[in-house]
C-alpha atoms as a PDB file:
ATOM      1  CA  UNK A   1      50.164 -24.377 -90.934  1.00  0.00           C
ATOM      2  CA  UNK A   2      53.696 -25.328 -90.332  1.00  0.00           C
ATOM      3  CA  UNK A   3      54.699 -26.755 -87.000  1.00  0.00           C
ATOM      4  CA  UNK A   4      55.987 -24.394 -84.270  1.00  0.00           C
ATOM      5  CA  UNK A   5      59.601 -25.249 -83.316  1.00  0.00           C
ATOM      6  CA  UNK A   6      60.653 -25.145 -79.733  1.00  0.00           C
ATOM      7  CA  UNK A   7      64.447 -24.844 -79.293  1.00  0.00           C
ATOM      8  CA  UNK A   8      65.964 -26.553 -76.416  1.00  0.00           C
ATOM      9  CA  UNK A   9      69.567 -26.059 -75.529  1.00  0.00           C
ATOM     10  CA  UNK A  10      70.706 -28.223 -72.675  1.00  0.00           C
ATOM     11  CA  UNK A  11      74.389 -27.862 -71.526  1.00  0.00           C
ATOM     12  CA  UNK A  12      75.660 -30.892 -69.650  1.00  0.00           C
ATOM     13  CA  UNK A  13      79.264 -31.939 -69.439  1.00  0.00           C
ATOM     14  CA  UNK A  14      80.870 -28.652 -70.446  1.00  0.00           C
ATOM     15  CA  UNK A  15      79.074 -26.607 -67.667  1.00  0.00           C
ATOM     16  CA  UNK A  16      81.530 -25.758 -64.936  1.00  0.00           C
ATOM     17  CA  UNK A  17      81.170 -22.025 -63.927  1.00  0.00           C
ATOM     18  CA  UNK A  18      77.552 -22.258 -62.810  1.00  0.00           C
ATOM     19  CA  UNK A  19      75.280 -25.193 -62.006  1.00  0.00           C
ATOM     20  CA  UNK A  20      73.936 -27.519 -64.502  1.00  0.00           C
ATOM     21  CA  UNK A  21      70.319 -27.438 -65.523  1.00  0.00           C
ATOM     22  CA  UNK A  22      69.194 -30.989 -66.128  1.00  0.00           C
ATOM     23  CA  UNK A  23      66.333 -32.286 -68.208  1.00  0.00           C
ATOM     24  CA  UNK A  24      64.017 -32.549 -65.209  1.00  0.00           C
ATOM     25  CA  UNK A  25      64.031 -28.758 -65.123  1.00  0.00           C
ATOM     26  CA  UNK A  26      63.342 -28.338 -68.794  1.00  0.00           C
ATOM     27  CA  UNK A  27      60.597 -31.104 -69.074  1.00  0.00           C
ATOM     28  CA  UNK A  28      57.760 -29.124 -67.234  1.00  0.00           C
ATOM     29  CA  UNK A  29      58.258 -26.135 -69.564  1.00  0.00           C
ATOM     30  CA  UNK A  30      58.451 -28.326 -72.590  1.00  0.00           C
ATOM     31  CA  UNK A  31      55.269 -30.057 -71.443  1.00  0.00           C
ATOM     32  CA  UNK A  32      53.540 -26.677 -70.871  1.00  0.00           C
ATOM     33  CA  UNK A  33      54.626 -25.442 -74.364  1.00  0.00           C
ATOM     34  CA  UNK A  34      53.269 -28.567 -76.034  1.00  0.00           C
ATOM     35  CA  UNK A  35      50.028 -28.392 -74.136  1.00  0.00           C
ATOM     36  CA  UNK A  36      49.515 -24.657 -75.061  1.00  0.00           C
ATOM     37  CA  UNK A  37      50.288 -25.191 -78.717  1.00  0.00           C
ATOM     38  CA  UNK A  38      48.082 -28.349 -78.820  1.00  0.00           C
ATOM     39  CA  UNK A  39      45.119 -26.377 -77.325  1.00  0.00           C
ATOM     40  CA  UNK A  40      45.608 -23.889 -80.259  1.00  0.00           C
ATOM     41  CA  UNK A  41      45.491 -26.722 -82.657  1.00  0.00           C
ATOM     42  CA  UNK A  42      49.183 -26.360 -83.732  1.00  0.00           C
ATOM     43  CA  UNK A  43      51.820 -29.051 -83.667  1.00  0.00           C
ATOM     44  CA  UNK A  44      55.261 -28.761 -82.327  1.00  0.00           C
ATOM     45  CA  UNK A  45      58.769 -30.066 -83.209  1.00  0.00           C
ATOM     46  CA  UNK A  46      61.359 -29.842 -80.543  1.00  0.00           C
ATOM     47  CA  UNK A  47      64.827 -28.983 -81.735  1.00  0.00           C
ATOM     48  CA  UNK A  48      67.232 -30.403 -79.388  1.00  0.00           C
ATOM     49  CA  UNK A  49      70.948 -29.116 -79.024  1.00  0.00           C
ATOM     50  CA  UNK A  50      72.927 -30.543 -76.284  1.00  0.00           C
ATOM     51  CA  UNK A  51      76.552 -31.680 -75.648  1.00  0.00           C
ATOM     52  CA  UNK A  52      75.382 -34.398 -73.316  1.00  0.00           C
ATOM     53  CA  UNK A  53      74.497 -37.976 -74.533  1.00  0.00           C
ATOM     54  CA  UNK A  54      72.560 -38.562 -71.355  1.00  0.00           C
ATOM     55  CA  UNK A  55      70.402 -35.416 -71.777  1.00  0.00           C
ATOM     56  CA  UNK A  56      69.767 -36.457 -75.380  1.00  0.00           C
ATOM     57  CA  UNK A  57      68.686 -39.837 -74.338  1.00  0.00           C
ATOM     58  CA  UNK A  58      66.330 -38.812 -71.585  1.00  0.00           C
ATOM     59  CA  UNK A  59      64.668 -36.134 -73.886  1.00  0.00           C
ATOM     60  CA  UNK A  60      64.249 -38.659 -76.760  1.00  0.00           C
ATOM     61  CA  UNK A  61      62.793 -41.181 -74.271  1.00  0.00           C
ATOM     62  CA  UNK A  62      60.266 -38.810 -72.952  1.00  0.00           C
ATOM     63  CA  UNK A  63      59.164 -37.229 -76.360  1.00  0.00           C
ATOM     64  CA  UNK A  64      60.164 -39.654 -78.947  1.00  0.00           C
ATOM     65  CA  UNK A  65      61.960 -39.418 -82.290  1.00  0.00           C
ATOM     66  CA  UNK A  66      58.785 -38.205 -84.079  1.00  0.00           C
ATOM     67  CA  UNK A  67      58.724 -35.059 -81.964  1.00  0.00           C
ATOM     68  CA  UNK A  68      62.440 -34.300 -81.299  1.00  0.00           C
ATOM     69  CA  UNK A  69      64.717 -33.038 -84.046  1.00  0.00           C
ATOM     70  CA  UNK A  70      68.482 -33.027 -83.752  1.00  0.00           C
ATOM     71  CA  UNK A  71      71.175 -32.036 -86.155  1.00  0.00           C
ATOM     72  CA  UNK A  72      72.194 -34.879 -88.467  1.00  0.00           C
ATOM     73  CA  UNK A  73      69.571 -37.056 -86.832  1.00  0.00           C
ATOM     74  CA  UNK A  74      71.339 -36.905 -83.545  1.00  0.00           C
ATOM     75  CA  UNK A  75      74.531 -38.252 -85.113  1.00  0.00           C
ATOM     76  CA  UNK A  76      76.798 -35.583 -83.600  1.00  0.00           C
ATOM     77  CA  UNK A  77      79.753 -35.578 -81.332  1.00  0.00           C
ATOM     78  CA  UNK A  78      78.635 -35.663 -77.696  1.00  0.00           C
ATOM     79  CA  UNK A  79      80.251 -36.389 -74.380  1.00  0.00           C
ATOM     80  CA  UNK A  80      79.567 -39.473 -72.425  1.00  0.00           C
ATOM     81  CA  UNK A  81      80.031 -39.369 -68.708  1.00  0.00           C
ATOM     82  CA  UNK A  82      81.679 -36.360 -67.032  1.00  0.00           C
ATOM     83  CA  UNK A  83      84.409 -35.445 -69.638  1.00  0.00           C
ATOM     84  CA  UNK A  84      83.382 -32.289 -71.667  1.00  0.00           C
ATOM     85  CA  UNK A  85      83.461 -32.682 -75.424  1.00  0.00           C
ATOM     86  CA  UNK A  86      85.807 -29.671 -75.853  1.00  0.00           C
ATOM     87  CA  UNK A  87      88.376 -31.104 -73.397  1.00  0.00           C
ATOM     88  CA  UNK A  88      89.542 -33.747 -75.893  1.00  0.00           C
ATOM     89  CA  UNK A  89      93.179 -33.015 -76.743  1.00  0.00           C
ATOM     90  CA  UNK A  90      92.882 -34.495 -80.240  1.00  0.00           C
ATOM     91  CA  UNK A  91      92.508 -32.170 -83.211  1.00  0.00           C
ATOM     92  CA  UNK A  92      91.242 -34.771 -85.643  1.00  0.00           C
ATOM     93  CA  UNK A  93      87.618 -33.860 -85.037  1.00  0.00           C
ATOM     94  CA  UNK A  94      88.062 -30.174 -84.066  1.00  0.00           C
ATOM     95  CA  UNK A  95      86.623 -28.874 -87.391  1.00  0.00           C
ATOM     96  CA  UNK A  96      83.501 -31.308 -87.029  1.00  0.00           C
ATOM     97  CA  UNK A  97      82.950 -29.811 -83.485  1.00  0.00           C
ATOM     98  CA  UNK A  98      83.173 -26.325 -84.697  1.00  0.00           C
ATOM     99  CA  UNK A  99      80.758 -26.924 -87.594  1.00  0.00           C
ATOM    100  CA  UNK A 100      78.355 -28.824 -85.331  1.00  0.00           C
ATOM    101  CA  UNK A 101      78.253 -26.063 -82.608  1.00  0.00           C
ATOM    102  CA  UNK A 102      77.872 -23.420 -85.280  1.00  0.00           C
ATOM    103  CA  UNK A 103      74.964 -25.233 -86.968  1.00  0.00           C
ATOM    104  CA  UNK A 104      73.195 -25.808 -83.592  1.00  0.00           C
ATOM    105  CA  UNK A 105      73.614 -22.020 -83.071  1.00  0.00           C
ATOM    106  CA  UNK A 106      72.004 -21.214 -86.460  1.00  0.00           C
ATOM    107  CA  UNK A 107      69.166 -23.706 -85.907  1.00  0.00           C
ATOM    108  CA  UNK A 108      68.296 -22.514 -82.510  1.00  0.00           C
ATOM    109  CA  UNK A 109      68.051 -18.950 -84.039  1.00  0.00           C
ATOM    110  CA  UNK A 110      65.359 -20.143 -86.332  1.00  0.00           C
ATOM    111  CA  UNK A 111      63.131 -21.585 -83.463  1.00  0.00           C
ATOM    112  CA  UNK A 112      59.794 -19.982 -82.462  1.00  0.00           C
ATOM    113  CA  UNK A 113      60.652 -20.112 -78.692  1.00  0.00           C
ATOM    114  CA  UNK A 114      63.999 -21.034 -76.947  1.00  0.00           C
ATOM    115  CA  UNK A 115      64.494 -22.741 -73.612  1.00  0.00           C
ATOM    116  CA  UNK A 116      68.119 -22.249 -72.463  1.00  0.00           C
ATOM    117  CA  UNK A 117      70.643 -21.943 -69.629  1.00  0.00           C
ATOM    118  CA  UNK A 118      73.728 -19.677 -69.578  1.00  0.00           C
ATOM    119  CA  UNK A 119      75.638 -20.483 -72.707  1.00  0.00           C
ATOM    120  CA  UNK A 120      77.416 -18.574 -75.641  1.00  0.00           C
ATOM    121  CA  UNK A 121      75.740 -20.883 -78.067  1.00  0.00           C
ATOM    122  CA  UNK A 122      72.177 -19.922 -77.161  1.00  0.00           C
ATOM    123  CA  UNK A 123      73.122 -16.306 -76.532  1.00  0.00           C
ATOM    124  CA  UNK A 124      74.428 -16.098 -80.149  1.00  0.00           C
ATOM    125  CA  UNK A 125      71.218 -17.595 -81.366  1.00  0.00           C
ATOM    126  CA  UNK A 126      69.369 -14.624 -79.747  1.00  0.00           C
ATOM    127  CA  UNK A 127      71.964 -12.230 -81.295  1.00  0.00           C
ATOM    128  CA  UNK A 128      71.051 -13.796 -84.788  1.00  0.00           C
ATOM    129  CA  UNK A 129      67.321 -13.585 -84.045  1.00  0.00           C
ATOM    130  CA  UNK A 130      66.493 -10.659 -81.741  1.00  0.00           C
ATOM    131  CA  UNK A 131      62.695 -11.736 -81.632  1.00  0.00           C
ATOM    132  CA  UNK A 132      64.027 -14.361 -79.274  1.00  0.00           C
ATOM    133  CA  UNK A 133      64.649 -11.788 -76.748  1.00  0.00           C
ATOM    134  CA  UNK A 134      61.072 -11.980 -75.769  1.00  0.00           C
ATOM    135  CA  UNK A 135      60.529 -15.446 -76.852  1.00  0.00           C
ATOM    136  CA  UNK A 136      62.961 -17.430 -74.723  1.00  0.00           C
ATOM    137  CA  UNK A 137      63.480 -18.503 -71.175  1.00  0.00           C
ATOM    138  CA  UNK A 138      66.752 -18.632 -69.538  1.00  0.00           C
ATOM    139  CA  UNK A 139      67.049 -20.917 -66.490  1.00  0.00           C
ATOM    140  CA  UNK A 140      70.122 -19.043 -65.242  1.00  0.00           C
ATOM    141  CA  UNK A 141      68.227 -15.630 -64.914  1.00  0.00           C
ATOM    142  CA  UNK A 142      66.340 -15.314 -61.696  1.00  0.00           C
ATOM    143  CA  UNK A 143      63.145 -13.174 -61.733  1.00  0.00           C
ATOM    144  CA  UNK A 144      62.755 -13.143 -65.363  1.00  0.00           C
ATOM    145  CA  UNK A 145      59.271 -12.637 -66.706  1.00  0.00           C
ATOM    146  CA  UNK A 146      57.422 -16.006 -67.448  1.00  0.00           C
ATOM    147  CA  UNK A 147      55.192 -16.760 -70.399  1.00  0.00           C
ATOM    148  CA  UNK A 148      51.516 -17.101 -69.624  1.00  0.00           C
ATOM    149  CA  UNK A 149      51.596 -20.720 -70.455  1.00  0.00           C
ATOM    150  CA  UNK A 150      54.347 -21.611 -68.029  1.00  0.00           C
ATOM    151  CA  UNK A 151      53.720 -23.274 -64.777  1.00  0.00           C
ATOM    152  CA  UNK A 152      54.538 -21.363 -61.635  1.00  0.00           C
ATOM    153  CA  UNK A 153      58.238 -21.801 -60.516  1.00  0.00           C
END
């Protein structure tokens, strides 16, 4: 059977209205999803969408290139440090940024389950795939139902 795809959208440098949710919050849920699917004899690919190079590096270090898929093999525009990628005043890469964020949205919409925080990108993925309403977890929503495979909060 084809692998299950876990979509993971981590916002880093462009997060300013609410608190950031770093990789350490995601990892226990990713681990639980991997354990649950392995127990059912299924393999998993993690599709990672992030604006933050540090978040991408931490996730790759933990799960490896064999398990983590990224748009264009990870060769996308990402912020380094604290400056958000969209804050660049130059327009030379504006089209590339737009295409990359749209493609991340479309790829997240194709995932079997989505881990996310508050973001228009991952919200639009759910609009494009309404099945994700019941197959997603949003770190920014308190008291939302948890999947049976998720560890206690």
